[in-house]
Amino acid sequence: MTLYNEGVKCYNLYAIAMNVCEPGQDRNVAALSFMFMCGGLLNMKRQIEYMKIALEEAQLAALEDEVPVGCVIVCDNQIIARAHNQRDKTNNPLGHAEMLAIKKASEVIGDWQLVNCELYVTVEPCIMCGGAIIQSRISKVVYGTPDIKGGAFGSSIDILTATNINHRPKIIKGVLEQECSQIIKDYFKEKRNINLKK
């Protein structure tokens, strides 16, 4: 409903632009400018909504005493998979949110190639998850906060600079960065406090 309202708002702006424009400005140019602006706003709104759901997954991870990272995978504007870190719970080094979500998405689609899918994750993916993203042909990765120690999309290293890889997803960073960063900081602060009390 929120996206619908935004769409109506943009349509109204388009109508205004067609009738009211700067002196000497072509009204079609003015209308197109409004349309591009609205497209960007709608896209940003959608990214925030999906990242909020990824944050819900991160909160579930924290409740399970896992590093709070959450992930959702979207195809055709529908969430087809969601997951959070479960490495400690499963004693599995592959139990990162992205890896679990990619596995679920492949099962839903019935194909290992997630060509038209977008991945939203609260923390920049590591090398392992970055490799899985490339291998699964995910088209776009949107992450919240950078990981300067282990991020594989520019913060620690950038695996997309490898010359011979055959797929490079579009990377968008910093969506709800503060919220995504805060949940990680709170988790490790609590861990440190527990250790000090021992």
N, C-alpha and C. Protein backbone atom coordinates (compact mmCIF):
# COMPACT_ATOMS: atom_id res chain seq x y z
N MET A 1 0.83 -1.21 0.00
CA MET A 1 0.00 0.00 0.00
C MET A 1 0.86 1.26 0.00
N THR A 2 1.99 1.21 0.71
CA THR A 2 2.89 2.37 0.77
C THR A 2 3.44 2.67 -0.62
N LEU A 3 3.91 1.61 -1.33
CA LEU A 3 4.46 1.81 -2.66
C LEU A 3 3.39 2.32 -3.62
N TYR A 4 2.15 1.83 -3.46
CA TYR A 4 1.04 2.31 -4.31
C TYR A 4 0.84 3.81 -4.10
N ASN A 5 0.84 4.24 -2.83
CA ASN A 5 0.66 5.66 -2.53
C ASN A 5 1.77 6.50 -3.13
N GLU A 6 3.02 5.96 -3.05
CA GLU A 6 4.14 6.67 -3.65
C GLU A 6 3.96 6.79 -5.15
N GLY A 7 3.44 5.72 -5.76
CA GLY A 7 3.20 5.73 -7.20
C GLY A 7 2.17 6.78 -7.59
N VAL A 8 1.10 6.87 -6.81
CA VAL A 8 0.07 7.89 -7.06
C VAL A 8 0.66 9.28 -6.93
N LYS A 9 1.52 9.45 -5.90
CA LYS A 9 2.17 10.74 -5.68
C LYS A 9 3.02 11.12 -6.91
N CYS A 10 3.75 10.13 -7.43
CA CYS A 10 4.60 10.38 -8.59
C CYS A 10 3.77 10.70 -9.83
N TYR A 11 2.66 9.98 -9.98
CA TYR A 11 1.77 10.27 -11.12
C TYR A 11 1.25 11.70 -11.03
N ASN A 12 0.92 12.13 -9.82
CA ASN A 12 0.44 13.50 -9.63
C ASN A 12 1.51 14.51 -9.98
N LEU A 13 2.76 14.22 -9.59
CA LEU A 13 3.87 15.10 -9.93
C LEU A 13 4.05 15.18 -11.45
N TYR A 14 3.88 14.01 -12.10
CA TYR A 14 3.99 13.97 -13.56
C TYR A 14 2.93 14.88 -14.19
N ALA A 15 1.70 14.78 -13.67
CA ALA A 15 0.60 15.61 -14.20
C ALA A 15 0.90 17.09 -14.01
N ILE A 16 1.44 17.42 -12.84
CA ILE A 16 1.80 18.83 -12.56
C ILE A 16 2.88 19.29 -13.53
N ALA A 17 3.89 18.43 -13.72
CA ALA A 17 5.02 18.79 -14.58
C ALA A 17 4.58 19.01 -16.02
N MET A 18 3.57 18.27 -16.46
CA MET A 18 3.08 18.43 -17.82
C MET A 18 2.39 19.79 -18.01
N ASN A 19 1.91 20.36 -16.93
CA ASN A 19 1.14 21.61 -17.03
C ASN A 19 1.89 22.83 -16.48
N VAL A 20 2.81 22.59 -15.57
CA VAL A 20 3.56 23.70 -14.97
C VAL A 20 5.05 23.42 -15.12
N CYS A 21 5.74 24.27 -15.82
CA CYS A 21 7.19 24.09 -15.95
C CYS A 21 7.86 25.44 -16.00
N GLU A 22 9.18 25.42 -15.91
CA GLU A 22 9.96 26.66 -15.92
C GLU A 22 9.75 27.40 -17.25
N PRO A 23 9.84 28.72 -17.21
CA PRO A 23 9.72 29.48 -18.48
C PRO A 23 10.78 29.00 -19.48
N GLY A 24 10.35 28.69 -20.67
CA GLY A 24 11.28 28.25 -21.70
C GLY A 24 11.62 26.76 -21.64
N GLN A 25 11.15 26.06 -20.61
CA GLN A 25 11.45 24.63 -20.49
C GLN A 25 10.36 23.81 -21.18
N ASP A 26 10.81 22.84 -21.94
CA ASP A 26 9.87 21.93 -22.60
C ASP A 26 9.13 21.12 -21.54
N ARG A 27 7.81 21.05 -21.63
CA ARG A 27 7.06 20.36 -20.58
C ARG A 27 7.30 18.86 -20.58
N ASN A 28 7.65 18.31 -21.74
CA ASN A 28 7.98 16.88 -21.77
C ASN A 28 9.28 16.60 -21.01
N VAL A 29 10.24 17.51 -21.14
CA VAL A 29 11.51 17.37 -20.41
C VAL A 29 11.25 17.45 -18.91
N ALA A 30 10.40 18.41 -18.51
CA ALA A 30 10.06 18.57 -17.10
C ALA A 30 9.38 17.31 -16.57
N ALA A 31 8.47 16.77 -17.36
CA ALA A 31 7.75 15.56 -16.94
C ALA A 31 8.69 14.38 -16.80
N LEU A 32 9.61 14.23 -17.76
CA LEU A 32 10.57 13.13 -17.69
C LEU A 32 11.47 13.26 -16.47
N SER A 33 11.87 14.49 -16.15
CA SER A 33 12.70 14.71 -14.96
C SER A 33 11.98 14.24 -13.71
N PHE A 34 10.71 14.60 -13.61
CA PHE A 34 9.90 14.16 -12.47
C PHE A 34 9.80 12.63 -12.43
N MET A 35 9.59 12.03 -13.60
CA MET A 35 9.43 10.57 -13.65
C MET A 35 10.71 9.86 -13.19
N PHE A 36 11.86 10.35 -13.64
CA PHE A 36 13.13 9.74 -13.22
C PHE A 36 13.33 9.90 -11.72
N MET A 37 12.99 11.09 -11.20
CA MET A 37 13.12 11.34 -9.78
C MET A 37 12.23 10.38 -8.99
N CYS A 38 11.01 10.20 -9.45
CA CYS A 38 10.06 9.32 -8.76
C CYS A 38 10.50 7.87 -8.84
N GLY A 39 11.05 7.47 -9.99
CA GLY A 39 11.56 6.09 -10.12
C GLY A 39 12.64 5.83 -9.11
N GLY A 40 13.54 6.79 -8.93
CA GLY A 40 14.61 6.64 -7.93
C GLY A 40 14.06 6.57 -6.52
N LEU A 41 13.04 7.39 -6.23
CA LEU A 41 12.43 7.39 -4.90
C LEU A 41 11.74 6.06 -4.61
N LEU A 42 11.02 5.54 -5.60
CA LEU A 42 10.33 4.25 -5.43
C LEU A 42 11.33 3.13 -5.20
N ASN A 43 12.43 3.17 -5.96
CA ASN A 43 13.46 2.15 -5.83
C ASN A 43 14.10 2.20 -4.45
N MET A 44 14.39 3.41 -3.97
CA MET A 44 14.98 3.59 -2.65
C MET A 44 14.02 3.10 -1.56
N LYS A 45 12.76 3.41 -1.74
CA LYS A 45 11.74 2.99 -0.78
C LYS A 45 11.67 1.47 -0.70
N ARG A 46 11.73 0.83 -1.85
CA ARG A 46 11.69 -0.63 -1.91
C ARG A 46 12.92 -1.24 -1.23
N GLN A 47 14.08 -0.65 -1.48
CA GLN A 47 15.31 -1.15 -0.86
C GLN A 47 15.23 -1.05 0.66
N ILE A 48 14.68 0.04 1.16
CA ILE A 48 14.55 0.22 2.61
C ILE A 48 13.60 -0.82 3.20
N GLU A 49 12.50 -1.06 2.50
CA GLU A 49 11.52 -2.04 3.00
C GLU A 49 12.13 -3.44 3.08
N TYR A 50 12.87 -3.84 2.06
CA TYR A 50 13.49 -5.17 2.08
C TYR A 50 14.59 -5.26 3.12
N MET A 51 15.33 -4.15 3.30
CA MET A 51 16.39 -4.17 4.31
C MET A 51 15.81 -4.25 5.72
N LYS A 52 14.65 -3.66 5.93
CA LYS A 52 13.99 -3.78 7.24
C LYS A 52 13.65 -5.24 7.54
N ILE A 53 13.26 -5.98 6.52
CA ILE A 53 12.95 -7.40 6.71
C ILE A 53 14.24 -8.17 6.98
N ALA A 54 15.32 -7.81 6.30
CA ALA A 54 16.62 -8.42 6.58
C ALA A 54 17.04 -8.13 8.03
N LEU A 55 16.74 -6.94 8.51
CA LEU A 55 17.03 -6.59 9.91
C LEU A 55 16.20 -7.43 10.89
N GLU A 56 14.98 -7.74 10.52
CA GLU A 56 14.17 -8.65 11.35
C GLU A 56 14.85 -10.00 11.48
N GLU A 57 15.42 -10.48 10.38
CA GLU A 57 16.16 -11.74 10.41
C GLU A 57 17.40 -11.62 11.29
N ALA A 58 18.07 -10.47 11.21
CA ALA A 58 19.26 -10.25 12.05
C ALA A 58 18.89 -10.28 13.53
N GLN A 59 17.73 -9.73 13.86
CA GLN A 59 17.26 -9.75 15.25
C GLN A 59 16.98 -11.17 15.73
N LEU A 60 16.47 -12.01 14.82
CA LEU A 60 16.26 -13.43 15.16
C LEU A 60 17.59 -14.11 15.45
N ALA A 61 18.62 -13.75 14.67
CA ALA A 61 19.95 -14.31 14.91
C ALA A 61 20.46 -13.91 16.29
N ALA A 62 20.28 -12.65 16.66
CA ALA A 62 20.73 -12.18 17.97
C ALA A 62 20.02 -12.93 19.10
N LEU A 63 18.74 -13.19 18.92
CA LEU A 63 17.98 -13.94 19.93
C LEU A 63 18.51 -15.37 20.08
N GLU A 64 19.09 -15.90 19.02
CA GLU A 64 19.67 -17.24 19.05
C GLU A 64 21.15 -17.22 19.42
N ASP A 65 21.63 -16.05 19.84
CA ASP A 65 23.04 -15.85 20.20
C ASP A 65 23.98 -16.10 19.03
N GLU A 66 23.52 -15.71 17.85
CA GLU A 66 24.34 -15.75 16.64
C GLU A 66 24.71 -14.32 16.27
N VAL A 67 25.81 -14.16 15.54
CA VAL A 67 26.15 -12.83 15.03
C VAL A 67 24.96 -12.33 14.20
N PRO A 68 24.40 -11.17 14.55
CA PRO A 68 23.14 -10.75 13.94
C PRO A 68 23.26 -10.20 12.52
N VAL A 69 23.25 -11.13 11.59
CA VAL A 69 23.22 -10.79 10.16
C VAL A 69 21.98 -11.44 9.56
N GLY A 70 21.21 -10.65 8.80
CA GLY A 70 20.01 -11.16 8.16
C GLY A 70 20.04 -10.90 6.68
N CYS A 71 19.32 -11.74 5.94
CA CYS A 71 19.35 -11.67 4.48
C CYS A 71 17.98 -12.02 3.91
N VAL A 72 17.59 -11.33 2.84
CA VAL A 72 16.42 -11.73 2.06
C VAL A 72 16.80 -11.72 0.58
N ILE A 73 16.16 -12.60 -0.18
CA ILE A 73 16.35 -12.63 -1.63
C ILE A 73 15.00 -12.35 -2.28
N VAL A 74 15.04 -11.44 -3.25
CA VAL A 74 13.83 -10.95 -3.89
C VAL A 74 13.88 -11.28 -5.38
N CYS A 75 12.75 -11.77 -5.90
CA CYS A 75 12.62 -12.02 -7.34
C CYS A 75 11.27 -11.47 -7.79
N ASP A 76 11.29 -10.64 -8.81
CA ASP A 76 10.06 -10.02 -9.32
C ASP A 76 9.27 -9.33 -8.20
N ASN A 77 9.99 -8.61 -7.36
CA ASN A 77 9.41 -7.83 -6.26
C ASN A 77 8.71 -8.69 -5.21
N GLN A 78 9.08 -9.97 -5.13
CA GLN A 78 8.55 -10.87 -4.12
C GLN A 78 9.70 -11.50 -3.35
N ILE A 79 9.59 -11.55 -2.03
CA ILE A 79 10.62 -12.23 -1.23
C ILE A 79 10.44 -13.72 -1.42
N ILE A 80 11.49 -14.38 -1.90
CA ILE A 80 11.42 -15.83 -2.11
C ILE A 80 12.26 -16.60 -1.09
N ALA A 81 13.10 -15.89 -0.36
CA ALA A 81 13.91 -16.56 0.68
C ALA A 81 14.36 -15.54 1.71
N ARG A 82 14.42 -15.97 2.95
CA ARG A 82 14.95 -15.14 4.02
C ARG A 82 15.68 -16.05 5.01
N ALA A 83 16.75 -15.51 5.59
CA ALA A 83 17.55 -16.33 6.50
C ALA A 83 18.39 -15.44 7.39
N HIS A 84 18.93 -16.03 8.45
CA HIS A 84 19.86 -15.32 9.32
C HIS A 84 20.99 -16.27 9.70
N ASN A 85 22.05 -15.72 10.23
CA ASN A 85 23.21 -16.53 10.61
C ASN A 85 22.80 -17.68 11.52
N GLN A 86 23.35 -18.86 11.22
CA GLN A 86 23.10 -20.04 12.06
C GLN A 86 24.36 -20.90 12.16
N ARG A 87 25.49 -20.25 12.12
CA ARG A 87 26.76 -20.98 12.12
C ARG A 87 27.00 -21.72 13.43
N ASP A 88 26.77 -21.04 14.55
CA ASP A 88 27.00 -21.68 15.85
C ASP A 88 25.93 -22.73 16.15
N LYS A 89 24.71 -22.39 15.81
CA LYS A 89 23.59 -23.30 16.08
C LYS A 89 23.76 -24.63 15.35
N THR A 90 24.27 -24.58 14.13
CA THR A 90 24.39 -25.78 13.30
C THR A 90 25.81 -26.35 13.27
N ASN A 91 26.75 -25.64 13.95
CA ASN A 91 28.17 -26.03 13.87
C ASN A 91 28.63 -26.20 12.42
N ASN A 92 28.21 -25.24 11.61
CA ASN A 92 28.48 -25.31 10.18
C ASN A 92 29.11 -24.00 9.72
N PRO A 93 30.37 -24.03 9.24
CA PRO A 93 31.01 -22.79 8.80
C PRO A 93 30.32 -22.15 7.59
N LEU A 94 29.45 -22.91 6.93
CA LEU A 94 28.72 -22.37 5.79
C LEU A 94 27.40 -21.72 6.20
N GLY A 95 27.13 -21.64 7.49
CA GLY A 95 25.84 -21.18 7.98
C GLY A 95 25.65 -19.68 8.01
N HIS A 96 26.22 -18.98 7.06
CA HIS A 96 26.00 -17.53 6.96
C HIS A 96 24.61 -17.27 6.36
N ALA A 97 24.06 -16.13 6.70
CA ALA A 97 22.71 -15.77 6.25
C ALA A 97 22.58 -15.84 4.72
N GLU A 98 23.59 -15.31 4.03
CA GLU A 98 23.54 -15.29 2.56
C GLU A 98 23.53 -16.70 1.98
N MET A 99 24.38 -17.57 2.52
CA MET A 99 24.48 -18.94 2.01
C MET A 99 23.15 -19.67 2.19
N LEU A 100 22.55 -19.50 3.36
CA LEU A 100 21.28 -20.17 3.66
C LEU A 100 20.16 -19.63 2.77
N ALA A 101 20.16 -18.31 2.57
CA ALA A 101 19.13 -17.70 1.73
C ALA A 101 19.28 -18.12 0.27
N ILE A 102 20.51 -18.18 -0.22
CA ILE A 102 20.76 -18.61 -1.60
C ILE A 102 20.28 -20.04 -1.81
N LYS A 103 20.56 -20.90 -0.85
CA LYS A 103 20.11 -22.30 -0.95
C LYS A 103 18.58 -22.37 -1.02
N LYS A 104 17.92 -21.62 -0.13
CA LYS A 104 16.45 -21.61 -0.12
C LYS A 104 15.89 -21.06 -1.44
N ALA A 105 16.47 -19.97 -1.93
CA ALA A 105 15.99 -19.35 -3.17
C ALA A 105 16.13 -20.31 -4.35
N SER A 106 17.23 -21.03 -4.41
CA SER A 106 17.44 -22.00 -5.49
C SER A 106 16.40 -23.11 -5.44
N GLU A 107 16.04 -23.52 -4.21
CA GLU A 107 15.01 -24.55 -4.06
C GLU A 107 13.64 -24.03 -4.51
N VAL A 108 13.35 -22.76 -4.18
CA VAL A 108 12.06 -22.17 -4.57
C VAL A 108 11.96 -22.06 -6.09
N ILE A 109 13.02 -21.56 -6.72
CA ILE A 109 13.01 -21.35 -8.17
C ILE A 109 13.19 -22.67 -8.92
N GLY A 110 13.89 -23.60 -8.30
CA GLY A 110 14.19 -24.86 -8.97
C GLY A 110 15.35 -24.74 -9.94
N ASP A 111 16.27 -23.83 -9.63
CA ASP A 111 17.42 -23.60 -10.50
C ASP A 111 18.54 -22.98 -9.67
N TRP A 112 19.77 -23.33 -9.98
CA TRP A 112 20.89 -22.75 -9.24
C TRP A 112 21.19 -21.33 -9.72
N GLN A 113 20.71 -20.98 -10.90
CA GLN A 113 20.95 -19.64 -11.43
C GLN A 113 19.85 -18.68 -10.97
N LEU A 114 20.23 -17.73 -10.17
CA LEU A 114 19.28 -16.76 -9.61
C LEU A 114 19.41 -15.43 -10.36
N VAL A 115 19.32 -15.52 -11.67
CA VAL A 115 19.66 -14.41 -12.56
C VAL A 115 18.84 -13.15 -12.28
N ASN A 116 17.56 -13.29 -12.04
CA ASN A 116 16.71 -12.12 -11.86
C ASN A 116 16.47 -11.78 -10.39
N CYS A 117 17.35 -12.26 -9.54
CA CYS A 117 17.16 -12.08 -8.10
C CYS A 117 18.07 -10.99 -7.54
N GLU A 118 17.58 -10.36 -6.48
CA GLU A 118 18.35 -9.36 -5.74
C GLU A 118 18.52 -9.86 -4.31
N LEU A 119 19.71 -9.66 -3.77
CA LEU A 119 20.01 -10.10 -2.40
C LEU A 119 20.19 -8.88 -1.51
N TYR A 120 19.46 -8.85 -0.41
CA TYR A 120 19.55 -7.77 0.59
C TYR A 120 20.13 -8.37 1.86
N VAL A 121 21.22 -7.80 2.36
CA VAL A 121 21.86 -8.33 3.55
C VAL A 121 22.33 -7.18 4.43
N THR A 122 22.24 -7.37 5.73
CA THR A 122 22.52 -6.27 6.66
C THR A 122 23.99 -5.90 6.74
N VAL A 123 24.87 -6.88 6.47
CA VAL A 123 26.32 -6.63 6.53
C VAL A 123 26.95 -7.06 5.21
N GLU A 124 27.94 -6.31 4.76
CA GLU A 124 28.65 -6.63 3.52
C GLU A 124 29.09 -8.10 3.51
N PRO A 125 28.79 -8.82 2.45
CA PRO A 125 29.15 -10.25 2.38
C PRO A 125 30.66 -10.50 2.45
N CYS A 126 31.00 -11.65 3.02
CA CYS A 126 32.40 -12.08 3.11
C CYS A 126 32.83 -12.73 1.78
N ILE A 127 34.06 -13.21 1.74
CA ILE A 127 34.58 -13.83 0.51
C ILE A 127 33.76 -15.06 0.13
N MET A 128 33.45 -15.90 1.11
CA MET A 128 32.68 -17.11 0.85
C MET A 128 31.32 -16.76 0.24
N CYS A 129 30.61 -15.85 0.89
CA CYS A 129 29.27 -15.47 0.42
C CYS A 129 29.34 -14.71 -0.90
N GLY A 130 30.36 -13.89 -1.04
CA GLY A 130 30.56 -13.18 -2.30
C GLY A 130 30.76 -14.14 -3.46
N GLY A 131 31.53 -15.20 -3.20
CA GLY A 131 31.73 -16.22 -4.23
C GLY A 131 30.44 -16.92 -4.59
N ALA A 132 29.62 -17.23 -3.58
CA ALA A 132 28.33 -17.88 -3.82
C ALA A 132 27.39 -16.96 -4.59
N ILE A 133 27.46 -15.67 -4.31
CA ILE A 133 26.63 -14.69 -5.02
C ILE A 133 27.02 -14.67 -6.50
N ILE A 134 28.31 -14.66 -6.78
CA ILE A 134 28.77 -14.67 -8.17
C ILE A 134 28.36 -15.99 -8.84
N GLN A 135 28.58 -17.10 -8.16
CA GLN A 135 28.26 -18.40 -8.75
C GLN A 135 26.77 -18.57 -9.03
N SER A 136 25.94 -17.98 -8.19
CA SER A 136 24.49 -18.13 -8.37
C SER A 136 23.91 -17.09 -9.32
N ARG A 137 24.75 -16.19 -9.83
CA ARG A 137 24.36 -15.20 -10.84
C ARG A 137 23.31 -14.19 -10.34
N ILE A 138 23.34 -13.93 -9.03
CA ILE A 138 22.44 -12.91 -8.48
C ILE A 138 22.74 -11.57 -9.15
N SER A 139 21.69 -10.84 -9.53
CA SER A 139 21.90 -9.64 -10.34
C SER A 139 22.32 -8.42 -9.53
N LYS A 140 21.82 -8.34 -8.28
CA LYS A 140 22.12 -7.15 -7.49
C LYS A 140 22.26 -7.51 -6.02
N VAL A 141 23.23 -6.88 -5.36
CA VAL A 141 23.44 -7.05 -3.93
C VAL A 141 23.28 -5.69 -3.27
N VAL A 142 22.41 -5.64 -2.27
CA VAL A 142 22.21 -4.42 -1.49
C VAL A 142 22.59 -4.74 -0.05
N TYR A 143 23.57 -4.04 0.49
CA TYR A 143 23.95 -4.31 1.88
C TYR A 143 23.89 -3.05 2.73
N GLY A 144 23.77 -3.29 4.04
CA GLY A 144 23.63 -2.18 4.97
C GLY A 144 24.94 -1.57 5.39
N THR A 145 25.67 -2.30 6.22
CA THR A 145 26.90 -1.74 6.79
C THR A 145 28.13 -2.45 6.23
N PRO A 146 29.23 -1.72 6.01
CA PRO A 146 30.45 -2.37 5.52
C PRO A 146 31.10 -3.22 6.60
N ASP A 147 31.91 -4.17 6.16
CA ASP A 147 32.69 -5.01 7.07
C ASP A 147 34.16 -4.83 6.71
N ILE A 148 34.83 -3.94 7.47
CA ILE A 148 36.21 -3.60 7.12
C ILE A 148 37.18 -4.75 7.32
N LYS A 149 36.80 -5.73 8.13
CA LYS A 149 37.69 -6.88 8.37
C LYS A 149 37.48 -8.00 7.36
N GLY A 150 36.25 -8.16 6.89
CA GLY A 150 35.99 -9.31 6.04
C GLY A 150 35.13 -9.06 4.83
N GLY A 151 34.74 -7.81 4.57
CA GLY A 151 33.87 -7.52 3.45
C GLY A 151 34.54 -7.75 2.11
N ALA A 152 33.83 -8.43 1.21
CA ALA A 152 34.43 -8.83 -0.06
C ALA A 152 34.02 -7.95 -1.24
N PHE A 153 33.23 -6.91 -0.97
CA PHE A 153 32.81 -6.03 -2.06
C PHE A 153 33.36 -4.62 -1.89
N GLY A 154 34.60 -4.53 -1.42
CA GLY A 154 35.28 -3.25 -1.40
C GLY A 154 35.82 -2.78 -0.07
N SER A 155 35.28 -3.26 1.04
CA SER A 155 35.73 -2.74 2.34
C SER A 155 37.03 -3.36 2.82
N SER A 156 37.16 -4.68 2.64
CA SER A 156 38.40 -5.37 2.99
C SER A 156 39.15 -5.73 1.71
N ILE A 157 38.47 -6.46 0.85
CA ILE A 157 38.97 -6.72 -0.51
C ILE A 157 37.79 -6.51 -1.46
N ASP A 158 38.09 -6.55 -2.75
CA ASP A 158 37.01 -6.45 -3.74
C ASP A 158 37.16 -7.58 -4.74
N ILE A 159 36.37 -8.62 -4.55
CA ILE A 159 36.48 -9.79 -5.44
C ILE A 159 36.00 -9.48 -6.86
N LEU A 160 35.27 -8.39 -7.02
CA LEU A 160 34.77 -8.07 -8.36
C LEU A 160 35.85 -7.48 -9.26
N THR A 161 37.03 -7.20 -8.69
CA THR A 161 38.13 -6.70 -9.52
C THR A 161 38.90 -7.83 -10.19
N ALA A 162 38.59 -9.08 -9.82
CA ALA A 162 39.23 -10.22 -10.49
C ALA A 162 38.91 -10.15 -11.98
N THR A 163 39.93 -10.26 -12.81
CA THR A 163 39.76 -9.96 -14.24
C THR A 163 38.92 -10.98 -14.99
N ASN A 164 38.98 -12.24 -14.62
CA ASN A 164 38.35 -13.26 -15.46
C ASN A 164 37.02 -13.81 -14.94
N ILE A 165 36.45 -13.20 -13.90
CA ILE A 165 35.15 -13.71 -13.44
C ILE A 165 34.08 -13.37 -14.49
N ASN A 166 33.10 -14.27 -14.63
CA ASN A 166 32.13 -14.09 -15.70
C ASN A 166 30.81 -13.48 -15.26
N HIS A 167 30.75 -13.04 -14.00
CA HIS A 167 29.52 -12.38 -13.53
C HIS A 167 29.87 -11.35 -12.47
N ARG A 168 29.32 -10.18 -12.62
CA ARG A 168 29.52 -9.11 -11.65
C ARG A 168 28.18 -8.50 -11.26
N PRO A 169 27.69 -8.81 -10.06
CA PRO A 169 26.42 -8.21 -9.64
C PRO A 169 26.57 -6.72 -9.39
N LYS A 170 25.50 -6.01 -9.55
CA LYS A 170 25.48 -4.59 -9.17
C LYS A 170 25.50 -4.51 -7.65
N ILE A 171 26.29 -3.61 -7.10
CA ILE A 171 26.42 -3.48 -5.65
C ILE A 171 25.87 -2.12 -5.21
N ILE A 172 24.97 -2.16 -4.24
CA ILE A 172 24.46 -0.93 -3.62
C ILE A 172 24.72 -1.04 -2.12
N LYS A 173 25.37 -0.06 -1.56
CA LYS A 173 25.74 -0.14 -0.14
C LYS A 173 25.15 1.02 0.65
N GLY A 174 25.06 0.80 1.97
CA GLY A 174 24.67 1.89 2.86
C GLY A 174 23.18 2.04 3.09
N VAL A 175 22.37 1.06 2.68
CA VAL A 175 20.92 1.14 2.93
C VAL A 175 20.66 0.78 4.40
N LEU A 176 20.07 1.71 5.14
CA LEU A 176 19.87 1.57 6.59
C LEU A 176 21.18 1.20 7.30
N GLU A 177 22.25 1.85 6.88
CA GLU A 177 23.58 1.53 7.41
C GLU A 177 23.66 1.67 8.93
N GLN A 178 23.10 2.74 9.46
CA GLN A 178 23.19 2.98 10.91
C GLN A 178 22.51 1.85 11.70
N GLU A 179 21.31 1.48 11.26
CA GLU A 179 20.57 0.42 11.96
C GLU A 179 21.28 -0.92 11.86
N CYS A 180 21.80 -1.21 10.67
CA CYS A 180 22.51 -2.47 10.46
C CYS A 180 23.81 -2.53 11.26
N SER A 181 24.47 -1.40 11.37
CA SER A 181 25.70 -1.33 12.16
C SER A 181 25.42 -1.45 13.65
N GLN A 182 24.34 -0.79 14.09
CA GLN A 182 24.03 -0.73 15.52
C GLN A 182 23.74 -2.10 16.11
N ILE A 183 23.01 -2.93 15.38
CA ILE A 183 22.66 -4.25 15.92
C ILE A 183 23.91 -5.12 16.10
N ILE A 184 24.89 -4.94 15.22
CA ILE A 184 26.17 -5.66 15.34
C ILE A 184 26.94 -5.13 16.55
N LYS A 185 27.02 -3.81 16.66
CA LYS A 185 27.74 -3.19 17.79
C LYS A 185 27.13 -3.62 19.12
N ASP A 186 25.81 -3.59 19.20
CA ASP A 186 25.12 -3.98 20.45
C ASP A 186 25.42 -5.43 20.82
N TYR A 187 25.43 -6.29 19.82
CA TYR A 187 25.69 -7.72 20.05
C TYR A 187 27.08 -7.93 20.64
N PHE A 188 28.09 -7.34 20.02
CA PHE A 188 29.46 -7.55 20.49
C PHE A 188 29.73 -6.81 21.80
N LYS A 189 29.06 -5.68 22.02
CA LYS A 189 29.19 -4.99 23.30
C LYS A 189 28.67 -5.87 24.43
N GLU A 190 27.53 -6.50 24.20
CA GLU A 190 26.96 -7.40 25.20
C GLU A 190 27.88 -8.59 25.45
N LYS A 191 28.49 -9.11 24.39
CA LYS A 191 29.43 -10.23 24.52
C LYS A 191 30.63 -9.82 25.37
N ARG A 192 31.15 -8.63 25.13
CA ARG A 192 32.30 -8.15 25.91
C ARG A 192 31.95 -7.97 27.38
N ASN A 193 30.75 -7.43 27.64
CA ASN A 193 30.31 -7.24 29.02
C ASN A 193 30.17 -8.56 29.76
N ILE A 194 29.66 -9.57 29.08
CA ILE A 194 29.53 -10.91 29.68
C ILE A 194 30.91 -11.46 30.03
N ASN A 195 31.85 -11.29 29.11
CA ASN A 195 33.21 -11.79 29.34
C ASN A 195 33.90 -11.08 30.50
N LEU A 196 33.62 -9.77 30.66
CA LEU A 196 34.22 -9.01 31.77
C LEU A 196 33.69 -9.49 33.13
N LYS A 197 32.46 -9.96 33.15
CA LYS A 197 31.86 -10.40 34.41
C LYS A 197 32.36 -11.78 34.85
N LYS A 198 32.96 -12.51 33.93
CA LYS A 198 33.43 -13.87 34.26
C LYS A 198 34.68 -13.84 35.13
